Amino acid sequence: MITIGTRLRGFAVLFLFWFAVATASAQNHGSRTYFNQDIFVAQGQRIDNAICFFCSVQIEGDVAGRVLVLFGNLNVTGRIAGSATVIGGNTVIDSQARIGGSALVLGGNAVYETDDSISGNAWVVGGHLSPISHRHRSPRRLSFGPVLFSGAAIIAFLLLSVLFLPRRRPDPA
């Protein structure tokens, strides 16, 4: 019989495996992967990818690939060729900044100055997506506010608790 403790250990092992693979694959020449140490890409500097766990990333230069920030903030005044993902933090995108792919923010807010700053889609789940300029809003920008996100999280928690609660077996009396 598989218990909840066994499942949690399995999820922990799976997360650690994913973390190790993400860290190893990001260690290409020019990529930066940091844990609890901020990443700063200066103007005129170019790196491949930026992955940051429990820290923040400031991009004034160029990132040729993707940016992933887990529990930190992202501030972009330079260029990101790929996508940008922020989980548990906020994102600020300057008017001169460019993100070539999509931008995803989970559990935080995003502020951008122009629609030209993000080439792909922009999604914010659990926060607010706030354009500085209100001239015209692109249909490729979507925000699920904290109330909707909290409701979805509660429903997901209830469904998971029903699925993972141990079931009582009838006594064979």
N, C-alpha and C. Protein backbone atom coordinates (compact mmCIF):
# COMPACT_ATOMS: atom_id res chain seq x y z
N MET A 1 0.84 -1.18 0.00
CA MET A 1 0.00 0.00 0.00
C MET A 1 0.89 1.24 0.00
N ILE A 2 0.57 2.18 -0.84
CA ILE A 2 1.33 3.42 -0.93
C ILE A 2 0.70 4.44 0.02
N THR A 3 1.52 4.95 0.93
CA THR A 3 1.02 5.92 1.90
C THR A 3 1.32 7.34 1.43
N ILE A 4 0.78 8.29 2.15
CA ILE A 4 1.00 9.70 1.80
C ILE A 4 2.47 10.04 1.96
N GLY A 5 3.12 9.52 3.00
CA GLY A 5 4.54 9.77 3.20
C GLY A 5 5.38 9.26 2.04
N THR A 6 5.03 8.10 1.51
CA THR A 6 5.75 7.55 0.36
C THR A 6 5.55 8.43 -0.86
N ARG A 7 4.35 8.92 -1.05
CA ARG A 7 4.08 9.81 -2.18
C ARG A 7 4.85 11.12 -2.05
N LEU A 8 4.88 11.68 -0.84
CA LEU A 8 5.61 12.93 -0.64
C LEU A 8 7.10 12.73 -0.88
N ARG A 9 7.64 11.60 -0.43
CA ARG A 9 9.05 11.32 -0.71
C ARG A 9 9.30 11.18 -2.20
N GLY A 10 8.35 10.55 -2.88
CA GLY A 10 8.47 10.40 -4.33
C GLY A 10 8.46 11.75 -5.03
N PHE A 11 7.57 12.65 -4.59
CA PHE A 11 7.54 14.00 -5.17
C PHE A 11 8.82 14.76 -4.85
N ALA A 12 9.34 14.59 -3.64
CA ALA A 12 10.59 15.28 -3.27
C ALA A 12 11.75 14.79 -4.12
N VAL A 13 11.83 13.47 -4.33
CA VAL A 13 12.89 12.91 -5.18
C VAL A 13 12.74 13.41 -6.61
N LEU A 14 11.51 13.45 -7.11
CA LEU A 14 11.26 13.94 -8.46
C LEU A 14 11.65 15.41 -8.59
N PHE A 15 11.33 16.24 -7.59
CA PHE A 15 11.71 17.65 -7.62
C PHE A 15 13.22 17.80 -7.60
N LEU A 16 13.91 17.06 -6.74
CA LEU A 16 15.36 17.14 -6.68
C LEU A 16 16.01 16.69 -7.99
N PHE A 17 15.44 15.66 -8.61
CA PHE A 17 15.94 15.21 -9.91
C PHE A 17 15.76 16.31 -10.95
N TRP A 18 14.56 16.94 -10.96
CA TRP A 18 14.30 18.02 -11.91
C TRP A 18 15.26 19.19 -11.66
N PHE A 19 15.49 19.51 -10.40
CA PHE A 19 16.39 20.60 -10.05
C PHE A 19 17.81 20.30 -10.54
N ALA A 20 18.28 19.07 -10.35
CA ALA A 20 19.62 18.69 -10.79
C ALA A 20 19.74 18.74 -12.31
N VAL A 21 18.73 18.27 -13.02
CA VAL A 21 18.76 18.30 -14.48
C VAL A 21 18.73 19.74 -14.99
N ALA A 22 17.88 20.57 -14.39
CA ALA A 22 17.81 21.98 -14.82
C ALA A 22 19.12 22.69 -14.56
N THR A 23 19.74 22.42 -13.44
CA THR A 23 21.02 23.04 -13.11
C THR A 23 22.12 22.56 -14.05
N ALA A 24 22.16 21.27 -14.30
CA ALA A 24 23.21 20.72 -15.17
C ALA A 24 23.05 21.19 -16.61
N SER A 25 21.83 21.24 -17.09
CA SER A 25 21.62 21.67 -18.48
C SER A 25 21.85 23.16 -18.66
N ALA A 26 21.72 23.92 -17.60
CA ALA A 26 21.89 25.37 -17.71
C ALA A 26 23.35 25.78 -17.59
N GLN A 27 24.23 24.87 -17.28
CA GLN A 27 25.62 25.23 -17.10
C GLN A 27 26.40 25.25 -18.42
N ASN A 28 25.73 25.55 -19.51
CA ASN A 28 26.41 25.75 -20.78
C ASN A 28 27.32 26.96 -20.66
N HIS A 29 28.19 27.11 -21.62
CA HIS A 29 29.06 28.27 -21.62
C HIS A 29 28.20 29.54 -21.69
N GLY A 30 28.33 30.38 -20.72
CA GLY A 30 27.61 31.64 -20.71
C GLY A 30 26.29 31.62 -19.98
N SER A 31 25.84 30.45 -19.50
CA SER A 31 24.60 30.39 -18.75
C SER A 31 24.89 30.60 -17.27
N ARG A 32 23.90 31.11 -16.56
CA ARG A 32 24.05 31.34 -15.12
C ARG A 32 22.90 30.68 -14.39
N THR A 33 23.23 29.88 -13.42
CA THR A 33 22.24 29.25 -12.53
C THR A 33 22.70 29.51 -11.11
N TYR A 34 21.90 30.27 -10.37
CA TYR A 34 22.28 30.64 -9.00
C TYR A 34 21.17 30.27 -8.04
N PHE A 35 21.58 29.98 -6.83
CA PHE A 35 20.68 29.69 -5.72
C PHE A 35 20.97 30.70 -4.63
N ASN A 36 19.99 31.54 -4.31
CA ASN A 36 20.10 32.54 -3.25
C ASN A 36 21.21 33.57 -3.52
N GLN A 37 21.46 33.87 -4.77
CA GLN A 37 22.43 34.90 -5.16
C GLN A 37 21.90 35.57 -6.43
N ASP A 38 21.73 36.87 -6.39
CA ASP A 38 21.13 37.59 -7.52
C ASP A 38 21.99 37.50 -8.78
N ILE A 39 21.31 37.56 -9.92
CA ILE A 39 21.98 37.55 -11.22
C ILE A 39 21.85 38.94 -11.82
N PHE A 40 22.96 39.51 -12.25
CA PHE A 40 22.98 40.82 -12.90
C PHE A 40 23.70 40.68 -14.23
N VAL A 41 23.01 41.04 -15.31
CA VAL A 41 23.62 41.04 -16.64
C VAL A 41 23.78 42.50 -17.04
N ALA A 42 25.02 42.96 -17.05
CA ALA A 42 25.31 44.37 -17.30
C ALA A 42 25.09 44.72 -18.77
N GLN A 43 24.93 46.01 -19.02
CA GLN A 43 24.76 46.49 -20.39
C GLN A 43 26.01 46.13 -21.19
N GLY A 44 25.81 45.58 -22.39
CA GLY A 44 26.92 45.15 -23.23
C GLY A 44 27.35 43.71 -22.97
N GLN A 45 26.82 43.09 -21.94
CA GLN A 45 27.14 41.71 -21.61
C GLN A 45 26.09 40.78 -22.20
N ARG A 46 26.50 39.55 -22.58
CA ARG A 46 25.57 38.59 -23.18
C ARG A 46 25.77 37.23 -22.51
N ILE A 47 24.65 36.60 -22.09
CA ILE A 47 24.69 35.25 -21.55
C ILE A 47 23.67 34.40 -22.29
N ASP A 48 23.77 33.07 -22.12
CA ASP A 48 22.85 32.17 -22.81
C ASP A 48 21.50 32.06 -22.09
N ASN A 49 21.50 31.64 -20.84
CA ASN A 49 20.28 31.47 -20.05
C ASN A 49 20.53 31.97 -18.64
N ALA A 50 19.45 32.30 -17.94
CA ALA A 50 19.55 32.70 -16.53
C ALA A 50 18.49 31.96 -15.75
N ILE A 51 18.93 31.19 -14.74
CA ILE A 51 18.02 30.47 -13.86
C ILE A 51 18.37 30.85 -12.44
N CYS A 52 17.37 31.29 -11.69
CA CYS A 52 17.63 31.83 -10.37
C CYS A 52 16.60 31.28 -9.38
N PHE A 53 17.07 30.61 -8.32
CA PHE A 53 16.20 30.07 -7.28
C PHE A 53 16.38 30.89 -6.01
N PHE A 54 15.31 31.47 -5.50
CA PHE A 54 15.31 32.29 -4.30
C PHE A 54 16.22 33.51 -4.44
N CYS A 55 16.18 34.15 -5.58
CA CYS A 55 16.97 35.35 -5.83
C CYS A 55 16.31 36.13 -6.96
N SER A 56 16.87 37.27 -7.30
CA SER A 56 16.32 38.13 -8.34
C SER A 56 17.27 38.26 -9.52
N VAL A 57 16.70 38.63 -10.68
CA VAL A 57 17.49 38.78 -11.90
C VAL A 57 17.26 40.18 -12.46
N GLN A 58 18.35 40.86 -12.80
CA GLN A 58 18.27 42.16 -13.46
C GLN A 58 19.01 42.04 -14.78
N ILE A 59 18.29 42.31 -15.88
CA ILE A 59 18.85 42.19 -17.22
C ILE A 59 18.97 43.58 -17.83
N GLU A 60 20.20 44.06 -17.98
CA GLU A 60 20.45 45.29 -18.71
C GLU A 60 21.11 44.98 -20.05
N GLY A 61 21.70 43.80 -20.16
CA GLY A 61 22.36 43.37 -21.39
C GLY A 61 21.45 42.45 -22.19
N ASP A 62 22.03 41.34 -22.72
CA ASP A 62 21.28 40.43 -23.58
C ASP A 62 21.32 39.01 -23.02
N VAL A 63 20.18 38.33 -23.10
CA VAL A 63 20.09 36.91 -22.79
C VAL A 63 19.65 36.22 -24.07
N ALA A 64 20.48 35.29 -24.57
CA ALA A 64 20.20 34.63 -25.84
C ALA A 64 19.11 33.58 -25.73
N GLY A 65 18.85 33.09 -24.53
CA GLY A 65 17.86 32.03 -24.33
C GLY A 65 16.72 32.47 -23.45
N ARG A 66 16.51 31.71 -22.37
CA ARG A 66 15.38 31.91 -21.48
C ARG A 66 15.83 32.41 -20.10
N VAL A 67 14.84 32.94 -19.37
CA VAL A 67 15.06 33.37 -17.99
C VAL A 67 13.99 32.70 -17.13
N LEU A 68 14.43 32.05 -16.04
CA LEU A 68 13.53 31.43 -15.07
C LEU A 68 13.90 31.95 -13.69
N VAL A 69 12.91 32.52 -13.00
CA VAL A 69 13.12 33.03 -11.64
C VAL A 69 12.10 32.36 -10.74
N LEU A 70 12.60 31.68 -9.69
CA LEU A 70 11.74 31.02 -8.74
C LEU A 70 11.88 31.71 -7.40
N PHE A 71 10.82 32.36 -6.93
CA PHE A 71 10.76 33.11 -5.68
C PHE A 71 11.76 34.27 -5.68
N GLY A 72 11.62 35.12 -6.67
CA GLY A 72 12.43 36.32 -6.79
C GLY A 72 11.79 37.24 -7.81
N ASN A 73 12.44 38.35 -8.11
CA ASN A 73 11.90 39.34 -9.05
C ASN A 73 12.75 39.40 -10.31
N LEU A 74 12.12 39.86 -11.39
CA LEU A 74 12.80 40.05 -12.67
C LEU A 74 12.62 41.50 -13.10
N ASN A 75 13.75 42.16 -13.40
CA ASN A 75 13.74 43.54 -13.88
C ASN A 75 14.48 43.55 -15.21
N VAL A 76 13.78 43.91 -16.28
CA VAL A 76 14.37 43.85 -17.62
C VAL A 76 14.43 45.25 -18.23
N THR A 77 15.64 45.69 -18.55
CA THR A 77 15.83 46.91 -19.33
C THR A 77 16.61 46.58 -20.60
N GLY A 78 17.06 45.33 -20.72
CA GLY A 78 17.81 44.87 -21.89
C GLY A 78 16.94 43.99 -22.78
N ARG A 79 17.53 42.88 -23.28
CA ARG A 79 16.82 42.00 -24.21
C ARG A 79 16.92 40.55 -23.76
N ILE A 80 15.78 39.85 -23.88
CA ILE A 80 15.71 38.41 -23.66
C ILE A 80 15.19 37.81 -24.96
N ALA A 81 15.98 36.95 -25.61
CA ALA A 81 15.56 36.38 -26.89
C ALA A 81 14.45 35.35 -26.73
N GLY A 82 14.47 34.59 -25.65
CA GLY A 82 13.47 33.55 -25.41
C GLY A 82 12.36 34.03 -24.50
N SER A 83 11.85 33.10 -23.71
CA SER A 83 10.75 33.42 -22.81
C SER A 83 11.26 33.77 -21.41
N ALA A 84 10.38 34.38 -20.63
CA ALA A 84 10.69 34.74 -19.24
C ALA A 84 9.60 34.19 -18.35
N THR A 85 10.00 33.44 -17.31
CA THR A 85 9.05 32.84 -16.38
C THR A 85 9.45 33.25 -14.96
N VAL A 86 8.49 33.78 -14.21
CA VAL A 86 8.72 34.19 -12.82
C VAL A 86 7.65 33.52 -11.98
N ILE A 87 8.08 32.76 -10.97
CA ILE A 87 7.16 32.07 -10.07
C ILE A 87 7.39 32.61 -8.67
N GLY A 88 6.36 33.22 -8.10
CA GLY A 88 6.47 33.76 -6.75
C GLY A 88 7.25 35.06 -6.68
N GLY A 89 7.07 35.92 -7.66
CA GLY A 89 7.77 37.20 -7.67
C GLY A 89 7.14 38.15 -8.67
N ASN A 90 7.72 39.33 -8.79
CA ASN A 90 7.20 40.37 -9.67
C ASN A 90 8.13 40.60 -10.85
N THR A 91 7.57 41.18 -11.91
CA THR A 91 8.33 41.46 -13.12
C THR A 91 8.09 42.90 -13.54
N VAL A 92 9.18 43.61 -13.88
CA VAL A 92 9.10 44.97 -14.42
C VAL A 92 9.84 44.97 -15.75
N ILE A 93 9.15 45.40 -16.80
CA ILE A 93 9.72 45.42 -18.15
C ILE A 93 9.73 46.86 -18.63
N ASP A 94 10.91 47.41 -18.83
CA ASP A 94 11.11 48.80 -19.23
C ASP A 94 10.63 49.01 -20.67
N SER A 95 10.43 50.26 -21.07
CA SER A 95 9.98 50.56 -22.43
C SER A 95 11.01 50.19 -23.49
N GLN A 96 12.29 50.22 -23.15
CA GLN A 96 13.35 49.86 -24.10
C GLN A 96 13.65 48.36 -24.09
N ALA A 97 13.09 47.63 -23.14
CA ALA A 97 13.34 46.20 -23.01
C ALA A 97 12.58 45.42 -24.07
N ARG A 98 13.10 44.24 -24.41
CA ARG A 98 12.43 43.37 -25.37
C ARG A 98 12.52 41.93 -24.87
N ILE A 99 11.36 41.26 -24.87
CA ILE A 99 11.31 39.83 -24.60
C ILE A 99 10.82 39.18 -25.88
N GLY A 100 11.66 38.34 -26.47
CA GLY A 100 11.35 37.74 -27.77
C GLY A 100 10.27 36.68 -27.71
N GLY A 101 10.12 36.00 -26.58
CA GLY A 101 9.10 34.97 -26.43
C GLY A 101 7.97 35.46 -25.56
N SER A 102 7.38 34.53 -24.83
CA SER A 102 6.27 34.85 -23.94
C SER A 102 6.77 35.15 -22.54
N ALA A 103 5.93 35.83 -21.76
CA ALA A 103 6.23 36.13 -20.36
C ALA A 103 5.13 35.52 -19.50
N LEU A 104 5.55 34.77 -18.47
CA LEU A 104 4.61 34.13 -17.56
C LEU A 104 5.00 34.49 -16.13
N VAL A 105 4.02 34.99 -15.36
CA VAL A 105 4.25 35.32 -13.95
C VAL A 105 3.19 34.58 -13.15
N LEU A 106 3.64 33.72 -12.23
CA LEU A 106 2.73 32.97 -11.36
C LEU A 106 2.89 33.48 -9.93
N GLY A 107 1.81 33.97 -9.34
CA GLY A 107 1.85 34.43 -7.96
C GLY A 107 2.59 35.74 -7.77
N GLY A 108 2.46 36.64 -8.72
CA GLY A 108 3.10 37.95 -8.62
C GLY A 108 2.47 38.92 -9.61
N ASN A 109 3.04 40.10 -9.70
CA ASN A 109 2.54 41.13 -10.60
C ASN A 109 3.54 41.40 -11.71
N ALA A 110 3.03 41.93 -12.82
CA ALA A 110 3.91 42.31 -13.93
C ALA A 110 3.53 43.71 -14.40
N VAL A 111 4.55 44.53 -14.63
CA VAL A 111 4.36 45.87 -15.14
C VAL A 111 5.20 46.00 -16.40
N TYR A 112 4.57 46.46 -17.49
CA TYR A 112 5.30 46.70 -18.72
C TYR A 112 4.87 48.04 -19.28
N GLU A 113 5.78 48.70 -20.01
CA GLU A 113 5.49 50.05 -20.47
C GLU A 113 4.85 50.08 -21.85
N THR A 114 5.26 49.20 -22.77
CA THR A 114 4.68 49.20 -24.11
C THR A 114 4.38 47.76 -24.53
N ASP A 115 3.39 47.60 -25.42
CA ASP A 115 3.08 46.28 -25.94
C ASP A 115 4.23 45.72 -26.77
N ASP A 116 5.07 46.58 -27.31
CA ASP A 116 6.22 46.13 -28.10
C ASP A 116 7.28 45.46 -27.24
N SER A 117 7.21 45.63 -25.94
CA SER A 117 8.22 45.05 -25.05
C SER A 117 8.17 43.53 -25.02
N ILE A 118 6.99 42.95 -25.25
CA ILE A 118 6.82 41.49 -25.21
C ILE A 118 6.32 41.02 -26.56
N SER A 119 7.14 40.23 -27.27
CA SER A 119 6.76 39.75 -28.60
C SER A 119 5.68 38.68 -28.54
N GLY A 120 5.77 37.80 -27.57
CA GLY A 120 4.81 36.71 -27.44
C GLY A 120 3.65 37.10 -26.55
N ASN A 121 3.07 36.09 -25.94
CA ASN A 121 1.96 36.30 -25.02
C ASN A 121 2.47 36.69 -23.64
N ALA A 122 1.60 37.30 -22.85
CA ALA A 122 1.93 37.64 -21.47
C ALA A 122 0.79 37.16 -20.59
N TRP A 123 1.12 36.29 -19.62
CA TRP A 123 0.13 35.76 -18.70
C TRP A 123 0.57 36.05 -17.28
N VAL A 124 -0.38 36.47 -16.46
CA VAL A 124 -0.14 36.65 -15.04
C VAL A 124 -1.24 35.87 -14.31
N VAL A 125 -0.83 34.92 -13.47
CA VAL A 125 -1.77 34.10 -12.72
C VAL A 125 -1.53 34.37 -11.24
N GLY A 126 -2.55 34.87 -10.56
CA GLY A 126 -2.43 35.17 -9.14
C GLY A 126 -1.90 36.56 -8.86
N GLY A 127 -2.01 37.45 -9.82
CA GLY A 127 -1.54 38.82 -9.64
C GLY A 127 -2.16 39.70 -10.69
N HIS A 128 -1.54 40.85 -10.93
CA HIS A 128 -2.08 41.81 -11.89
C HIS A 128 -1.06 42.09 -12.98
N LEU A 129 -1.56 42.23 -14.19
CA LEU A 129 -0.76 42.63 -15.34
C LEU A 129 -1.11 44.09 -15.61
N SER A 130 -0.15 44.97 -15.45
CA SER A 130 -0.42 46.40 -15.51
C SER A 130 0.41 47.08 -16.58
N PRO A 131 -0.22 47.46 -17.68
CA PRO A 131 0.51 48.27 -18.65
C PRO A 131 0.57 49.72 -18.18
N ILE A 132 1.69 50.38 -18.40
CA ILE A 132 1.83 51.79 -18.05
C ILE A 132 1.00 52.63 -19.03
N SER A 133 1.11 52.32 -20.31
CA SER A 133 0.38 53.03 -21.34
C SER A 133 -0.95 52.33 -21.58
N HIS A 134 -2.03 53.06 -21.55
CA HIS A 134 -3.35 52.47 -21.75
C HIS A 134 -3.91 52.81 -23.13
N ARG A 135 -3.04 53.07 -24.10
CA ARG A 135 -3.51 53.43 -25.44
C ARG A 135 -4.34 52.31 -26.05
N HIS A 136 -3.75 51.15 -26.18
CA HIS A 136 -4.48 49.99 -26.68
C HIS A 136 -3.88 48.75 -26.03
N ARG A 137 -4.75 47.88 -25.58
CA ARG A 137 -4.28 46.65 -24.94
C ARG A 137 -4.32 45.53 -25.95
N SER A 138 -3.26 44.79 -25.98
CA SER A 138 -3.15 43.66 -26.89
C SER A 138 -4.02 42.51 -26.39
N PRO A 139 -4.66 41.79 -27.30
CA PRO A 139 -5.45 40.62 -26.87
C PRO A 139 -4.56 39.47 -26.40
N ARG A 140 -3.26 39.60 -26.59
CA ARG A 140 -2.34 38.54 -26.17
C ARG A 140 -1.87 38.72 -24.74
N ARG A 141 -2.51 39.58 -23.99
CA ARG A 141 -2.16 39.83 -22.60
C ARG A 141 -3.32 39.36 -21.72
N LEU A 142 -3.04 38.48 -20.74
CA LEU A 142 -4.10 37.90 -19.93
C LEU A 142 -3.68 37.85 -18.48
N SER A 143 -4.59 38.25 -17.59
CA SER A 143 -4.29 38.28 -16.17
C SER A 143 -5.42 37.61 -15.40
N PHE A 144 -5.07 36.63 -14.56
CA PHE A 144 -6.01 36.01 -13.64
C PHE A 144 -5.69 36.55 -12.27
N GLY A 145 -6.54 37.38 -11.73
CA GLY A 145 -6.29 38.07 -10.48
C GLY A 145 -6.20 37.15 -9.28
N PRO A 146 -5.80 37.71 -8.14
CA PRO A 146 -5.62 36.90 -6.93
C PRO A 146 -6.89 36.21 -6.46
N VAL A 147 -8.05 36.84 -6.62
CA VAL A 147 -9.29 36.22 -6.16
C VAL A 147 -9.59 34.97 -6.97
N LEU A 148 -9.49 35.08 -8.29
CA LEU A 148 -9.73 33.93 -9.15
C LEU A 148 -8.68 32.85 -8.91
N PHE A 149 -7.43 33.26 -8.77
CA PHE A 149 -6.35 32.31 -8.52
C PHE A 149 -6.53 31.62 -7.18
N SER A 150 -6.93 32.35 -6.15
CA SER A 150 -7.14 31.75 -4.83
C SER A 150 -8.28 30.74 -4.87
N GLY A 151 -9.35 31.09 -5.57
CA GLY A 151 -10.47 30.16 -5.71
C GLY A 151 -10.05 28.88 -6.42
N ALA A 152 -9.29 29.02 -7.50
CA ALA A 152 -8.80 27.84 -8.22
C ALA A 152 -7.86 27.02 -7.35
N ALA A 153 -7.03 27.69 -6.55
CA ALA A 153 -6.10 26.97 -5.68
C ALA A 153 -6.86 26.20 -4.60
N ILE A 154 -7.91 26.78 -4.05
CA ILE A 154 -8.71 26.09 -3.03
C ILE A 154 -9.39 24.87 -3.64
N ILE A 155 -9.95 25.01 -4.82
CA ILE A 155 -10.60 23.88 -5.49
C ILE A 155 -9.58 22.78 -5.79
N ALA A 156 -8.40 23.16 -6.27
CA ALA A 156 -7.36 22.17 -6.55
C ALA A 156 -6.93 21.46 -5.26
N PHE A 157 -6.78 22.21 -4.17
CA PHE A 157 -6.40 21.61 -2.89
C PHE A 157 -7.45 20.62 -2.42
N LEU A 158 -8.72 20.99 -2.53
CA LEU A 158 -9.79 20.08 -2.11
C LEU A 158 -9.81 18.82 -2.95
N LEU A 159 -9.64 18.95 -4.26
CA LEU A 159 -9.61 17.78 -5.14
C LEU A 159 -8.42 16.88 -4.82
N LEU A 160 -7.26 17.47 -4.59
CA LEU A 160 -6.08 16.68 -4.26
C LEU A 160 -6.22 16.00 -2.90
N SER A 161 -6.83 16.70 -1.94
CA SER A 161 -7.00 16.09 -0.63
C SER A 161 -7.96 14.91 -0.70
N VAL A 162 -8.97 14.99 -1.54
CA VAL A 162 -9.90 13.87 -1.70
C VAL A 162 -9.18 12.70 -2.37
N LEU A 163 -8.34 12.99 -3.33
CA LEU A 163 -7.63 11.92 -4.05
C LEU A 163 -6.56 11.25 -3.19
N PHE A 164 -5.88 12.01 -2.34
CA PHE A 164 -4.74 11.47 -1.60
C PHE A 164 -5.04 11.11 -0.14
N LEU A 165 -6.26 11.31 0.32
CA LEU A 165 -6.59 10.90 1.69
C LEU A 165 -6.61 9.39 1.78
N PRO A 166 -6.06 8.85 2.85
CA PRO A 166 -6.10 7.39 2.98
C PRO A 166 -7.53 6.93 3.20
N ARG A 167 -7.87 5.87 2.54
CA ARG A 167 -9.22 5.32 2.66
C ARG A 167 -9.24 4.29 3.79
N ARG A 168 -10.30 4.31 4.56
CA ARG A 168 -10.44 3.34 5.64
C ARG A 168 -10.97 2.03 5.05
N ARG A 169 -10.34 1.00 5.49
CA ARG A 169 -10.83 -0.33 5.09
C ARG A 169 -11.79 -0.83 6.17
N PRO A 170 -12.83 -1.49 5.76
CA PRO A 170 -13.76 -2.00 6.76
C PRO A 170 -13.07 -3.10 7.59
N ASP A 171 -13.38 -3.10 8.87
CA ASP A 171 -12.82 -4.12 9.76
C ASP A 171 -13.38 -5.47 9.37
N PRO A 172 -12.52 -6.47 9.25
CA PRO A 172 -13.00 -7.80 8.87
C PRO A 172 -13.59 -8.57 10.07
N ALA A 173 -14.47 -7.94 10.78
CA ALA A 173 -15.03 -8.55 11.99
C ALA A 173 -16.09 -9.56 11.72
